Amino acid sequence: MQTLNADQLVGKTLGEYRVERLLGHAQLGAAYMARQLSRGRAAMVSTFNFPEGLSTGERNQLTSRIARERTILTRLTHPHILPIYDFGEQAGYLYLVTAFVKGLR
């Protein structure tokens, strides 16, 4: 996994999500407003940074686990949780895509 400079994904595409603007960032990651290209809907993309001491094996194990659980997580529906649209890993970035809700930034 790469360590992100907070703005470096603005204007880029992760999966089918075009990153439009940075919403906020912290030591472990950042959140962005994005647009799902196939549906034209707004989404929030959260990216994750991991401590530099995390081994390649540990990173691969986490990525594999998320890939296995992706189908289950994207099917979750409940009025008190944001819908999870997607999970992914692209070019060394681990990301989670949820519904974008104004006021949750």
C-alpha atoms as a PDB file:
ATOM      1  CA  MET A   1       0.000   0.000   0.000  1.00  0.00           C
ATOM      2  CA  GLN A   2       1.125   3.509  -0.646  1.00  0.00           C
ATOM      3  CA  THR A   3       1.026   6.457   1.696  1.00  0.00           C
ATOM      4  CA  LEU A   4      -1.207   9.130   0.246  1.00  0.00           C
ATOM      5  CA  ASN A   5      -0.581  12.807  -0.109  1.00  0.00           C
ATOM      6  CA  ALA A   6      -4.130  13.991   0.604  1.00  0.00           C
ATOM      7  CA  ASP A   7      -4.692  15.715  -2.777  1.00  0.00           C
ATOM      8  CA  GLN A   8      -2.988  13.250  -5.076  1.00  0.00           C
ATOM      9  CA  LEU A   9      -6.133  11.299  -5.995  1.00  0.00           C
ATOM     10  CA  VAL A  10      -8.255  14.334  -6.949  1.00  0.00           C
ATOM     11  CA  GLY A  11      -9.030  14.044 -10.658  1.00  0.00           C
ATOM     12  CA  LYS A  12      -8.079  10.362 -10.815  1.00  0.00           C
ATOM     13  CA  THR A  13     -10.284   7.278 -11.083  1.00  0.00           C
ATOM     14  CA  LEU A  14     -10.402   4.393  -8.604  1.00  0.00           C
ATOM     15  CA  GLY A  15     -12.406   1.513  -9.996  1.00  0.00           C
ATOM     16  CA  GLU A  16     -15.444   3.170 -11.531  1.00  0.00           C
ATOM     17  CA  TYR A  17     -15.282   6.234  -9.262  1.00  0.00           C
ATOM     18  CA  ARG A  18     -13.890   9.573 -10.426  1.00  0.00           C
ATOM     19  CA  VAL A  19     -12.443  11.453  -7.433  1.00  0.00           C
ATOM     20  CA  GLU A  20     -13.720  15.053  -7.473  1.00  0.00           C
ATOM     21  CA  ARG A  21     -12.513  16.671  -4.252  1.00  0.00           C
ATOM     22  CA  LEU A  22     -10.906  16.045  -0.894  1.00  0.00           C
ATOM     23  CA  LEU A  23     -13.356  16.082   2.022  1.00  0.00           C
ATOM     24  CA  GLY A  24     -10.815  15.533   4.782  1.00  0.00           C
ATOM     25  CA  HIS A  25      -7.748  13.585   5.802  1.00  0.00           C
ATOM     26  CA  ALA A  26      -6.027  12.158   8.851  1.00  0.00           C
ATOM     27  CA  GLN A  27      -2.972  10.063   9.600  1.00  0.00           C
ATOM     28  CA  LEU A  28      -4.598   6.776   8.544  1.00  0.00           C
ATOM     29  CA  GLY A  29      -6.360   7.923   5.398  1.00  0.00           C
ATOM     30  CA  ALA A  30      -8.494  10.408   3.544  1.00  0.00           C
ATOM     31  CA  ALA A  31     -12.077  10.854   2.378  1.00  0.00           C
ATOM     32  CA  TYR A  32     -13.083  12.174  -1.032  1.00  0.00           C
ATOM     33  CA  MET A  33     -16.255  13.089  -2.850  1.00  0.00           C
ATOM     34  CA  ALA A  34     -16.440  11.064  -6.041  1.00  0.00           C
ATOM     35  CA  ARG A  35     -18.813  10.276  -8.873  1.00  0.00           C
ATOM     36  CA  GLN A  36     -19.682   6.743  -9.928  1.00  0.00           C
ATOM     37  CA  LEU A  37     -19.124   6.820 -13.676  1.00  0.00           C
ATOM     38  CA  SER A  38     -21.645   4.107 -14.619  1.00  0.00           C
ATOM     39  CA  ARG A  39     -24.542   5.593 -12.610  1.00  0.00           C
ATOM     40  CA  GLY A  40     -23.629   9.247 -12.255  1.00  0.00           C
ATOM     41  CA  ARG A  41     -24.283   9.170  -8.515  1.00  0.00           C
ATOM     42  CA  ALA A  42     -22.266  10.909  -5.834  1.00  0.00           C
ATOM     43  CA  ALA A  43     -20.229   8.690  -3.544  1.00  0.00           C
ATOM     44  CA  MET A  44     -17.659   9.011  -0.788  1.00  0.00           C
ATOM     45  CA  VAL A  45     -14.360   7.215  -1.320  1.00  0.00           C
ATOM     46  CA  SER A  46     -12.273   6.542   1.777  1.00  0.00           C
ATOM     47  CA  THR A  47      -8.662   5.528   1.275  1.00  0.00           C
ATOM     48  CA  PHE A  48      -6.499   3.893   3.899  1.00  0.00           C
ATOM     49  CA  ASN A  49      -2.856   4.302   4.833  1.00  0.00           C
ATOM     50  CA  PHE A  50      -1.186   1.670   6.939  1.00  0.00           C
ATOM     51  CA  PRO A  51       1.745   2.062   9.310  1.00  0.00           C
ATOM     52  CA  GLU A  52       5.059   1.714   7.500  1.00  0.00           C
ATOM     53  CA  GLY A  53       5.987  -1.208   9.762  1.00  0.00           C
ATOM     54  CA  LEU A  54       3.200  -3.367   8.330  1.00  0.00           C
ATOM     55  CA  SER A  55       4.759  -6.252   6.437  1.00  0.00           C
ATOM     56  CA  THR A  56       3.947  -7.097   2.828  1.00  0.00           C
ATOM     57  CA  GLY A  57       2.416 -10.359   4.036  1.00  0.00           C
ATOM     58  CA  GLU A  58       0.131  -8.524   6.471  1.00  0.00           C
ATOM     59  CA  ARG A  59      -0.940  -6.096   3.756  1.00  0.00           C
ATOM     60  CA  ASN A  60      -1.657  -8.934   1.340  1.00  0.00           C
ATOM     61  CA  GLN A  61      -3.610 -10.790   4.029  1.00  0.00           C
ATOM     62  CA  LEU A  62      -5.781  -7.729   4.705  1.00  0.00           C
ATOM     63  CA  THR A  63      -6.395  -7.109   1.003  1.00  0.00           C
ATOM     64  CA  SER A  64      -7.385 -10.759   0.499  1.00  0.00           C
ATOM     65  CA  ARG A  65      -9.741 -10.671   3.461  1.00  0.00           C
ATOM     66  CA  ILE A  66     -11.480  -7.565   2.165  1.00  0.00           C
ATOM     67  CA  ALA A  67     -11.822  -9.133  -1.278  1.00  0.00           C
ATOM     68  CA  ARG A  68     -13.510 -12.184   0.286  1.00  0.00           C
ATOM     69  CA  GLU A  69     -15.892 -10.054   2.343  1.00  0.00           C
ATOM     70  CA  ARG A  70     -16.649  -7.555  -0.420  1.00  0.00           C
ATOM     71  CA  THR A  71     -19.807  -9.286  -1.637  1.00  0.00           C
ATOM     72  CA  ILE A  72     -21.250  -9.533   1.870  1.00  0.00           C
ATOM     73  CA  LEU A  73     -20.434  -5.933   2.777  1.00  0.00           C
ATOM     74  CA  THR A  74     -21.937  -4.457  -0.389  1.00  0.00           C
ATOM     75  CA  ARG A  75     -25.204  -6.312   0.286  1.00  0.00           C
ATOM     76  CA  LEU A  76     -25.680  -4.848   3.783  1.00  0.00           C
ATOM     77  CA  THR A  77     -28.765  -2.695   4.104  1.00  0.00           C
ATOM     78  CA  HIS A  78     -29.939  -1.040   7.279  1.00  0.00           C
ATOM     79  CA  PRO A  79     -31.435   2.411   7.918  1.00  0.00           C
ATOM     80  CA  HIS A  80     -28.657   3.269  10.399  1.00  0.00           C
ATOM     81  CA  ILE A  81     -25.613   2.510   8.235  1.00  0.00           C
ATOM     82  CA  LEU A  82     -24.357   4.097   5.046  1.00  0.00           C
ATOM     83  CA  PRO A  83     -24.748   1.815   2.040  1.00  0.00           C
ATOM     84  CA  ILE A  84     -21.389   0.353   1.049  1.00  0.00           C
ATOM     85  CA  TYR A  85     -21.116   0.432  -2.730  1.00  0.00           C
ATOM     86  CA  ASP A  86     -17.698  -1.060  -3.211  1.00  0.00           C
ATOM     87  CA  PHE A  87     -14.355  -2.063  -1.739  1.00  0.00           C
ATOM     88  CA  GLY A  88     -11.249  -2.293  -3.771  1.00  0.00           C
ATOM     89  CA  GLU A  89      -7.533  -2.085  -4.218  1.00  0.00           C
ATOM     90  CA  GLN A  90      -6.005  -0.331  -7.179  1.00  0.00           C
ATOM     91  CA  ALA A  91      -2.423   0.712  -7.822  1.00  0.00           C
ATOM     92  CA  GLY A  92      -1.559   0.083  -4.176  1.00  0.00           C
ATOM     93  CA  TYR A  93      -4.519   2.013  -2.764  1.00  0.00           C
ATOM     94  CA  LEU A  94      -7.053   0.257  -0.568  1.00  0.00           C
ATOM     95  CA  TYR A  95     -10.399   2.057  -0.743  1.00  0.00           C
ATOM     96  CA  LEU A  96     -14.000   1.840   0.486  1.00  0.00           C
ATOM     97  CA  VAL A  97     -16.904   3.486  -1.341  1.00  0.00           C
ATOM     98  CA  THR A  98     -20.078   4.500   0.492  1.00  0.00           C
ATOM     99  CA  ALA A  99     -23.060   6.698  -0.238  1.00  0.00           C
ATOM    100  CA  PHE A 100     -22.273  10.401  -0.077  1.00  0.00           C
ATOM    101  CA  VAL A 101     -24.452  12.202   2.462  1.00  0.00           C
ATOM    102  CA  LYS A 102     -24.253  15.968   2.802  1.00  0.00           C
ATOM    103  CA  GLY A 103     -23.338  17.105   6.279  1.00  0.00           C
ATOM    104  CA  LEU A 104     -21.236  14.019   7.109  1.00  0.00           C
ATOM    105  CA  ARG A 105     -17.938  15.545   6.173  1.00  0.00           C
END
